[in-house]
Amino acid sequence: MRREIQLVGHGGQGVRLAGSILSRACGIYDGKNIAETHLYGAAARGELSESELIISDGEIYYVKVESPDVLLALTQDAYDDFRGSVRNDGLIIADDFYVEEYDASDKKLRLFPLTRVALDVVGALIAVNVVALGVISVLDPLITPESVKLAIKDKIKKAYLDKNLKAFERGLKLGSEK
């Protein structure tokens, strides 16, 4: 089994942290082999930010995501630029706040109010990544919500943990509803 996950947005949306949390969840808590890479536009807010993960039961010989099983698109640019690489049987999870132009006939696409939920639960955009992790944890059978929750507890500072756990729980609920 080999799974490719690509998380894409803009700097400041927590894409790198989300990738790091997923990597820890799958690698440490679920015992899978992980390759995690990041790309970010000079670490600046508003520039491209990307996190790629390869999750496998076996050896990982190539660490670049070529055809993701799951794409998280947090911006219109992310959707436009990366949707074409998703496998035919793959999944695109997009934030409906930013992704307004899309192919309505695309059977891979699932729109979610990630930003609105982050604002509702936490009162800040900063939790959109954790809401998205909740959705991914429900929709991808390889990701276990329990492991992601443990990884969130490891990676999020204590001062922000309660709100992020609430955001994650709302993401789980959101993913279960669709």
Protein backbone atom coordinates (compact mmCIF):
# COMPACT_ATOMS: atom_id res chain seq x y z
CA MET A 1 0.00 0.00 0.00
CA ARG A 2 1.28 3.46 -0.96
CA ARG A 3 -0.67 6.67 -0.44
CA GLU A 4 0.23 10.11 -1.79
CA ILE A 5 -1.21 13.20 -0.10
CA GLN A 6 -0.66 16.77 -1.24
CA LEU A 7 -1.67 19.77 0.88
CA VAL A 8 -1.54 23.13 -0.90
CA GLY A 9 -2.43 26.67 0.09
CA HIS A 10 -0.79 29.99 0.88
CA GLY A 11 1.75 30.80 3.55
CA GLY A 12 0.00 31.42 6.86
CA GLN A 13 -2.69 28.75 6.39
CA GLY A 14 -0.74 26.12 8.31
CA VAL A 15 -0.09 23.76 5.40
CA ARG A 16 3.37 22.80 6.67
CA LEU A 17 2.06 22.18 10.18
CA ALA A 18 -0.81 20.06 8.82
CA GLY A 19 1.69 17.96 6.85
CA SER A 20 3.86 17.57 9.92
CA ILE A 21 0.86 16.48 12.01
CA LEU A 22 -0.23 13.92 9.41
CA SER A 23 3.32 12.65 9.11
CA ARG A 24 3.58 12.16 12.85
CA ALA A 25 0.14 10.53 13.07
CA CYS A 26 0.85 8.00 10.35
CA GLY A 27 4.54 7.45 11.09
CA ILE A 28 4.71 7.45 14.88
CA TYR A 29 1.23 6.40 15.94
CA ASP A 30 0.19 4.16 13.04
CA GLY A 31 3.65 2.70 12.34
CA LYS A 32 3.71 3.48 8.61
CA ASN A 33 6.75 4.55 6.61
CA ILE A 34 6.60 8.26 5.81
CA ALA A 35 8.32 10.65 3.43
CA GLU A 36 7.39 14.29 4.01
CA THR A 37 8.52 17.25 1.91
CA HIS A 38 7.61 20.93 1.96
CA LEU A 39 7.69 23.80 -0.50
CA TYR A 40 6.99 27.36 0.49
CA GLY A 41 7.47 30.70 -1.22
CA ALA A 42 10.19 32.31 0.87
CA ALA A 43 8.13 31.49 3.97
CA ALA A 44 6.00 34.54 3.25
CA ARG A 45 2.33 34.91 4.01
CA GLY A 46 0.32 34.77 0.82
CA GLU A 47 2.91 32.82 -1.20
CA LEU A 48 2.53 29.18 -2.25
CA SER A 49 2.88 26.66 0.55
CA GLU A 50 2.85 22.94 -0.10
CA SER A 51 3.33 19.82 1.95
CA GLU A 52 3.60 16.39 0.37
CA LEU A 53 3.42 13.04 2.11
CA ILE A 54 4.06 9.53 0.96
CA ILE A 55 2.61 6.96 3.35
CA SER A 56 3.49 3.32 2.82
CA ASP A 57 3.60 -0.08 4.45
CA GLY A 58 6.77 -0.82 2.50
CA GLU A 59 9.96 0.97 1.54
CA ILE A 60 9.67 4.41 -0.04
CA TYR A 61 12.14 4.80 -2.88
CA TYR A 62 10.85 8.01 -4.42
CA VAL A 63 9.71 10.86 -2.19
CA LYS A 64 7.99 13.14 -4.71
CA VAL A 65 4.20 13.04 -5.00
CA GLU A 66 3.41 12.46 -8.65
CA SER A 67 -0.28 11.64 -8.68
CA PRO A 68 -1.91 12.30 -5.31
CA ASP A 69 -4.64 10.13 -3.88
CA VAL A 70 -5.74 13.15 -1.83
CA LEU A 71 -5.30 16.84 -2.63
CA LEU A 72 -6.20 19.50 -0.09
CA ALA A 73 -6.70 22.80 -1.94
CA LEU A 74 -7.05 25.74 0.42
CA THR A 75 -6.97 28.41 -2.31
CA GLN A 76 -8.20 28.92 -5.85
CA ASP A 77 -4.60 28.82 -7.14
CA ALA A 78 -4.01 25.52 -5.36
CA TYR A 79 -7.09 24.00 -6.96
CA ASP A 80 -6.31 25.39 -10.41
CA ASP A 81 -2.66 24.38 -10.39
CA PHE A 82 -2.82 20.92 -8.79
CA ARG A 83 -6.23 19.35 -9.53
CA GLY A 84 -5.06 17.89 -12.83
CA SER A 85 -2.48 15.68 -11.14
CA VAL A 86 -4.94 13.88 -8.83
CA ARG A 87 -5.52 10.20 -9.63
CA ASN A 88 -8.74 9.34 -11.44
CA ASP A 89 -10.02 7.61 -8.31
CA GLY A 90 -8.54 10.30 -6.03
CA LEU A 91 -10.12 12.94 -3.84
CA ILE A 92 -9.89 16.72 -3.91
CA ILE A 93 -10.88 18.45 -0.68
CA ALA A 94 -11.32 22.17 -1.31
CA ASP A 95 -12.19 25.15 0.85
CA ASP A 96 -15.39 26.65 -0.56
CA PHE A 97 -14.50 30.07 0.86
CA TYR A 98 -11.58 30.46 -1.55
CA VAL A 99 -12.30 27.92 -4.30
CA GLU A 100 -15.18 29.54 -6.14
CA GLU A 101 -14.41 28.54 -9.72
CA TYR A 102 -14.38 24.81 -10.29
CA ASP A 103 -15.52 22.07 -12.60
CA ALA A 104 -18.93 21.12 -11.18
CA SER A 105 -18.80 17.79 -13.02
CA ASP A 106 -15.54 16.78 -11.31
CA LYS A 107 -16.48 13.65 -9.35
CA LYS A 108 -13.25 13.89 -7.30
CA LEU A 109 -14.07 17.31 -5.86
CA ARG A 110 -15.61 17.76 -2.41
CA LEU A 111 -16.14 21.35 -1.23
CA PHE A 112 -16.16 22.10 2.49
CA PRO A 113 -16.59 25.33 4.50
CA LEU A 114 -13.16 24.94 6.11
CA THR A 115 -12.50 28.65 6.60
CA ARG A 116 -15.97 29.37 7.90
CA VAL A 117 -15.73 26.55 10.43
CA ALA A 118 -12.28 27.76 11.58
CA LEU A 119 -13.69 31.26 12.08
CA ASP A 120 -16.75 29.91 13.86
CA VAL A 121 -14.88 27.59 16.23
CA VAL A 122 -11.63 29.45 16.86
CA GLY A 123 -12.40 32.95 15.66
CA ALA A 124 -9.30 32.95 13.47
CA LEU A 125 -8.19 31.66 10.10
CA ILE A 126 -5.21 29.96 11.69
CA ALA A 127 -7.22 26.79 12.48
CA VAL A 128 -8.27 26.06 8.88
CA ASN A 129 -5.50 23.46 8.67
CA VAL A 130 -6.77 21.55 11.69
CA VAL A 131 -10.37 21.63 10.43
CA ALA A 132 -9.06 20.19 7.15
CA LEU A 133 -7.21 17.45 9.03
CA GLY A 134 -10.51 16.42 10.60
CA VAL A 135 -12.14 16.15 7.18
CA ILE A 136 -9.18 14.20 5.75
CA SER A 137 -9.22 11.86 8.76
CA VAL A 138 -12.79 10.89 8.00
CA LEU A 139 -12.55 10.64 4.22
CA ASP A 140 -9.22 8.83 3.86
CA PRO A 141 -9.46 5.28 5.23
CA LEU A 142 -5.70 5.15 5.80
CA ILE A 143 -5.73 8.08 8.24
CA THR A 144 -6.96 7.32 11.76
CA PRO A 145 -8.59 10.20 13.64
CA GLU A 146 -7.22 8.95 16.96
CA SER A 147 -3.64 9.14 15.68
CA VAL A 148 -4.17 12.60 14.20
CA LYS A 149 -5.59 13.79 17.51
CA LEU A 150 -2.52 12.48 19.35
CA ALA A 151 -0.23 14.19 16.84
CA ILE A 152 -2.13 17.47 17.26
CA LYS A 153 -1.53 17.23 21.00
CA ASP A 154 2.18 16.75 20.29
CA LYS A 155 2.57 19.55 17.74
CA ILE A 156 0.24 22.35 18.89
CA LYS A 157 1.32 24.64 21.70
CA LYS A 158 -0.61 24.12 24.91
CA ALA A 159 -2.05 27.66 24.84
CA TYR A 160 -3.79 26.89 21.53
CA LEU A 161 -4.53 23.21 22.02
CA ASP A 162 -8.14 23.32 23.25
CA LYS A 163 -9.34 25.49 20.37
CA ASN A 164 -7.46 23.37 17.85
CA LEU A 165 -8.94 20.16 19.23
CA LYS A 166 -12.40 21.72 18.91
CA ALA A 167 -11.57 22.69 15.32
CA PHE A 168 -10.42 19.12 14.63
CA GLU A 169 -13.62 17.67 16.09
CA ARG A 170 -15.69 20.01 13.91
CA GLY A 171 -13.67 18.88 10.91
CA LEU A 172 -14.44 15.25 11.76
CA LYS A 173 -18.14 16.10 11.95
CA LEU A 174 -17.98 18.05 8.70
CA GLY A 175 -16.30 15.16 6.89
CA SER A 176 -18.89 12.73 8.23
CA GLU A 177 -21.79 14.81 6.99
CA LYS A 178 -20.90 14.64 3.30
